[in-house]
Amino acid sequence: MKKSIYALLFVGMVAFLAPTLTSAPLLNLPEKEFDFGYVPQNSKVTHVFWLFNNGDDTLKIKKVVPG
């Protein structure tokens, strides 16, 4: 009887905690690079990269290094 109660409690705790154990951010960057082609000297160019979080937790971007 005690074993079945403990087993039931264990299963309940796993079912309760499982979503928090598997939640994580997931970065989706559809476009990883962009080629501007020929750009005359001293020209200014811009491009927007879209970032998406396909995970189920908050995605934190702490540092961006252009290059």
N, C-alpha and C. Protein backbone atom coordinates (compact mmCIF):
# COMPACT_ATOMS: atom_id res chain seq x y z
N MET A 1 0.83 -1.19 0.00
CA MET A 1 0.00 0.00 0.00
C MET A 1 0.86 1.25 0.00
N LYS A 2 1.92 1.28 0.89
CA LYS A 2 2.78 2.45 0.93
C LYS A 2 3.51 2.65 -0.39
N LYS A 3 3.96 1.53 -1.00
CA LYS A 3 4.68 1.64 -2.26
C LYS A 3 3.80 2.23 -3.35
N SER A 4 2.55 1.84 -3.38
CA SER A 4 1.66 2.36 -4.42
C SER A 4 1.37 3.84 -4.21
N ILE A 5 1.30 4.29 -2.97
CA ILE A 5 1.09 5.72 -2.69
C ILE A 5 2.32 6.51 -3.11
N TYR A 6 3.51 6.01 -2.77
CA TYR A 6 4.74 6.68 -3.18
C TYR A 6 4.88 6.71 -4.70
N ALA A 7 4.52 5.61 -5.34
CA ALA A 7 4.60 5.57 -6.80
C ALA A 7 3.64 6.58 -7.42
N LEU A 8 2.45 6.69 -6.88
CA LEU A 8 1.46 7.64 -7.38
C LEU A 8 1.94 9.08 -7.16
N LEU A 9 2.53 9.35 -6.01
CA LEU A 9 3.09 10.68 -5.75
C LEU A 9 4.23 11.00 -6.71
N PHE A 10 5.08 10.02 -6.96
CA PHE A 10 6.20 10.22 -7.87
C PHE A 10 5.69 10.53 -9.28
N VAL A 11 4.73 9.77 -9.76
CA VAL A 11 4.17 10.00 -11.10
C VAL A 11 3.52 11.38 -11.17
N GLY A 12 2.83 11.77 -10.12
CA GLY A 12 2.20 13.09 -10.09
C GLY A 12 3.23 14.21 -10.13
N MET A 13 4.33 14.04 -9.39
CA MET A 13 5.37 15.07 -9.39
C MET A 13 6.06 15.15 -10.74
N VAL A 14 6.31 14.02 -11.38
CA VAL A 14 6.94 14.02 -12.70
C VAL A 14 6.01 14.70 -13.71
N ALA A 15 4.73 14.41 -13.66
CA ALA A 15 3.78 15.03 -14.57
C ALA A 15 3.69 16.54 -14.33
N PHE A 16 3.83 16.96 -13.09
CA PHE A 16 3.76 18.38 -12.74
C PHE A 16 5.04 19.11 -13.15
N LEU A 17 6.19 18.48 -12.96
CA LEU A 17 7.47 19.13 -13.22
C LEU A 17 7.97 18.97 -14.65
N ALA A 18 7.46 18.02 -15.39
CA ALA A 18 7.97 17.74 -16.74
C ALA A 18 7.93 18.96 -17.66
N PRO A 19 6.86 19.72 -17.71
CA PRO A 19 6.88 20.89 -18.60
C PRO A 19 7.96 21.91 -18.25
N THR A 20 8.25 22.09 -16.97
CA THR A 20 9.28 23.06 -16.60
C THR A 20 10.68 22.51 -16.86
N LEU A 21 10.84 21.22 -16.84
CA LEU A 21 12.14 20.63 -17.10
C LEU A 21 12.50 20.66 -18.58
N THR A 22 11.51 20.68 -19.44
CA THR A 22 11.76 20.64 -20.88
C THR A 22 11.59 21.99 -21.54
N SER A 23 11.16 23.02 -20.82
CA SER A 23 10.97 24.31 -21.46
C SER A 23 12.32 24.98 -21.70
N ALA A 24 12.47 25.53 -22.89
CA ALA A 24 13.72 26.19 -23.25
C ALA A 24 13.47 27.13 -24.43
N PRO A 25 14.28 28.16 -24.55
CA PRO A 25 14.18 29.01 -25.73
C PRO A 25 14.77 28.29 -26.95
N LEU A 26 14.31 28.64 -28.13
CA LEU A 26 14.82 28.03 -29.35
C LEU A 26 14.91 29.12 -30.41
N LEU A 27 16.13 29.55 -30.72
CA LEU A 27 16.35 30.62 -31.69
C LEU A 27 16.11 30.10 -33.10
N ASN A 28 15.29 30.83 -33.84
CA ASN A 28 15.05 30.55 -35.25
C ASN A 28 15.52 31.78 -36.02
N LEU A 29 16.57 31.63 -36.80
CA LEU A 29 17.14 32.70 -37.61
C LEU A 29 17.05 32.25 -39.07
N PRO A 30 15.95 32.58 -39.75
CA PRO A 30 15.74 32.08 -41.11
C PRO A 30 16.84 32.48 -42.09
N GLU A 31 17.38 33.68 -41.92
CA GLU A 31 18.41 34.18 -42.83
C GLU A 31 19.70 34.37 -42.04
N LYS A 32 20.71 33.58 -42.32
CA LYS A 32 21.94 33.61 -41.53
C LYS A 32 22.97 34.60 -42.08
N GLU A 33 22.87 34.93 -43.35
CA GLU A 33 23.78 35.90 -43.95
C GLU A 33 23.08 36.61 -45.08
N PHE A 34 23.65 37.75 -45.49
CA PHE A 34 23.07 38.55 -46.56
C PHE A 34 24.20 39.13 -47.39
N ASP A 35 24.12 38.99 -48.70
CA ASP A 35 25.14 39.51 -49.60
C ASP A 35 24.60 40.77 -50.27
N PHE A 36 25.23 41.91 -49.98
CA PHE A 36 24.80 43.17 -50.57
C PHE A 36 25.23 43.30 -52.03
N GLY A 37 26.10 42.42 -52.47
CA GLY A 37 26.60 42.55 -53.83
C GLY A 37 27.59 43.70 -53.92
N TYR A 38 27.63 44.35 -55.07
CA TYR A 38 28.53 45.49 -55.25
C TYR A 38 27.99 46.70 -54.49
N VAL A 39 28.83 47.29 -53.66
CA VAL A 39 28.48 48.50 -52.91
C VAL A 39 29.58 49.52 -53.15
N PRO A 40 29.23 50.67 -53.74
CA PRO A 40 30.25 51.70 -53.96
C PRO A 40 30.88 52.15 -52.65
N GLN A 41 32.13 52.59 -52.73
CA GLN A 41 32.86 53.05 -51.55
C GLN A 41 32.12 54.21 -50.90
N ASN A 42 32.14 54.24 -49.56
CA ASN A 42 31.51 55.27 -48.72
C ASN A 42 29.98 55.22 -48.76
N SER A 43 29.40 54.16 -49.29
CA SER A 43 27.94 54.01 -49.28
C SER A 43 27.49 53.43 -47.95
N LYS A 44 26.30 53.76 -47.55
CA LYS A 44 25.72 53.18 -46.34
C LYS A 44 24.66 52.16 -46.76
N VAL A 45 24.74 50.98 -46.18
CA VAL A 45 23.77 49.94 -46.47
C VAL A 45 23.21 49.39 -45.16
N THR A 46 22.01 48.91 -45.20
CA THR A 46 21.39 48.29 -44.02
C THR A 46 20.63 47.04 -44.47
N HIS A 47 20.43 46.18 -43.52
CA HIS A 47 19.62 44.98 -43.75
C HIS A 47 19.05 44.55 -42.40
N VAL A 48 17.83 44.09 -42.39
CA VAL A 48 17.17 43.64 -41.16
C VAL A 48 17.19 42.11 -41.12
N PHE A 49 17.71 41.58 -40.02
CA PHE A 49 17.66 40.14 -39.78
C PHE A 49 16.55 39.89 -38.76
N TRP A 50 15.63 39.03 -39.10
CA TRP A 50 14.53 38.69 -38.19
C TRP A 50 14.94 37.53 -37.31
N LEU A 51 14.69 37.67 -36.01
CA LEU A 51 14.96 36.62 -35.03
C LEU A 51 13.63 36.17 -34.45
N PHE A 52 13.43 34.88 -34.34
CA PHE A 52 12.20 34.34 -33.78
C PHE A 52 12.53 33.38 -32.65
N ASN A 53 11.71 33.38 -31.63
CA ASN A 53 11.83 32.41 -30.54
C ASN A 53 10.76 31.36 -30.75
N ASN A 54 11.16 30.18 -31.18
CA ASN A 54 10.20 29.09 -31.38
C ASN A 54 10.13 28.17 -30.17
N GLY A 55 10.81 28.53 -29.10
CA GLY A 55 10.76 27.74 -27.87
C GLY A 55 9.61 28.17 -26.99
N ASP A 56 9.56 27.59 -25.81
CA ASP A 56 8.48 27.91 -24.88
C ASP A 56 9.01 28.58 -23.61
N ASP A 57 10.15 29.25 -23.74
CA ASP A 57 10.70 30.03 -22.63
C ASP A 57 11.27 31.32 -23.22
N THR A 58 11.60 32.27 -22.39
CA THR A 58 12.09 33.56 -22.85
C THR A 58 13.48 33.42 -23.46
N LEU A 59 13.65 33.98 -24.65
CA LEU A 59 14.95 34.00 -25.32
C LEU A 59 15.64 35.31 -24.99
N LYS A 60 16.82 35.24 -24.42
CA LYS A 60 17.59 36.43 -24.05
C LYS A 60 18.81 36.53 -24.93
N ILE A 61 18.92 37.63 -25.66
CA ILE A 61 20.09 37.88 -26.50
C ILE A 61 20.98 38.81 -25.71
N LYS A 62 22.12 38.31 -25.27
CA LYS A 62 22.98 39.07 -24.38
C LYS A 62 24.09 39.82 -25.11
N LYS A 63 24.45 39.38 -26.30
CA LYS A 63 25.54 40.04 -27.00
C LYS A 63 25.39 39.79 -28.50
N VAL A 64 25.64 40.84 -29.28
CA VAL A 64 25.61 40.74 -30.74
C VAL A 64 26.97 41.22 -31.24
N VAL A 65 27.60 40.42 -32.07
CA VAL A 65 28.90 40.78 -32.62
C VAL A 65 28.78 40.80 -34.14
N PRO A 66 28.77 41.98 -34.76
CA PRO A 66 28.70 42.05 -36.22
C PRO A 66 30.03 41.63 -36.82
N GLY A 67 30.01 41.15 -38.02
CA GLY A 67 31.27 40.77 -38.61
C GLY A 67 31.08 40.22 -39.92
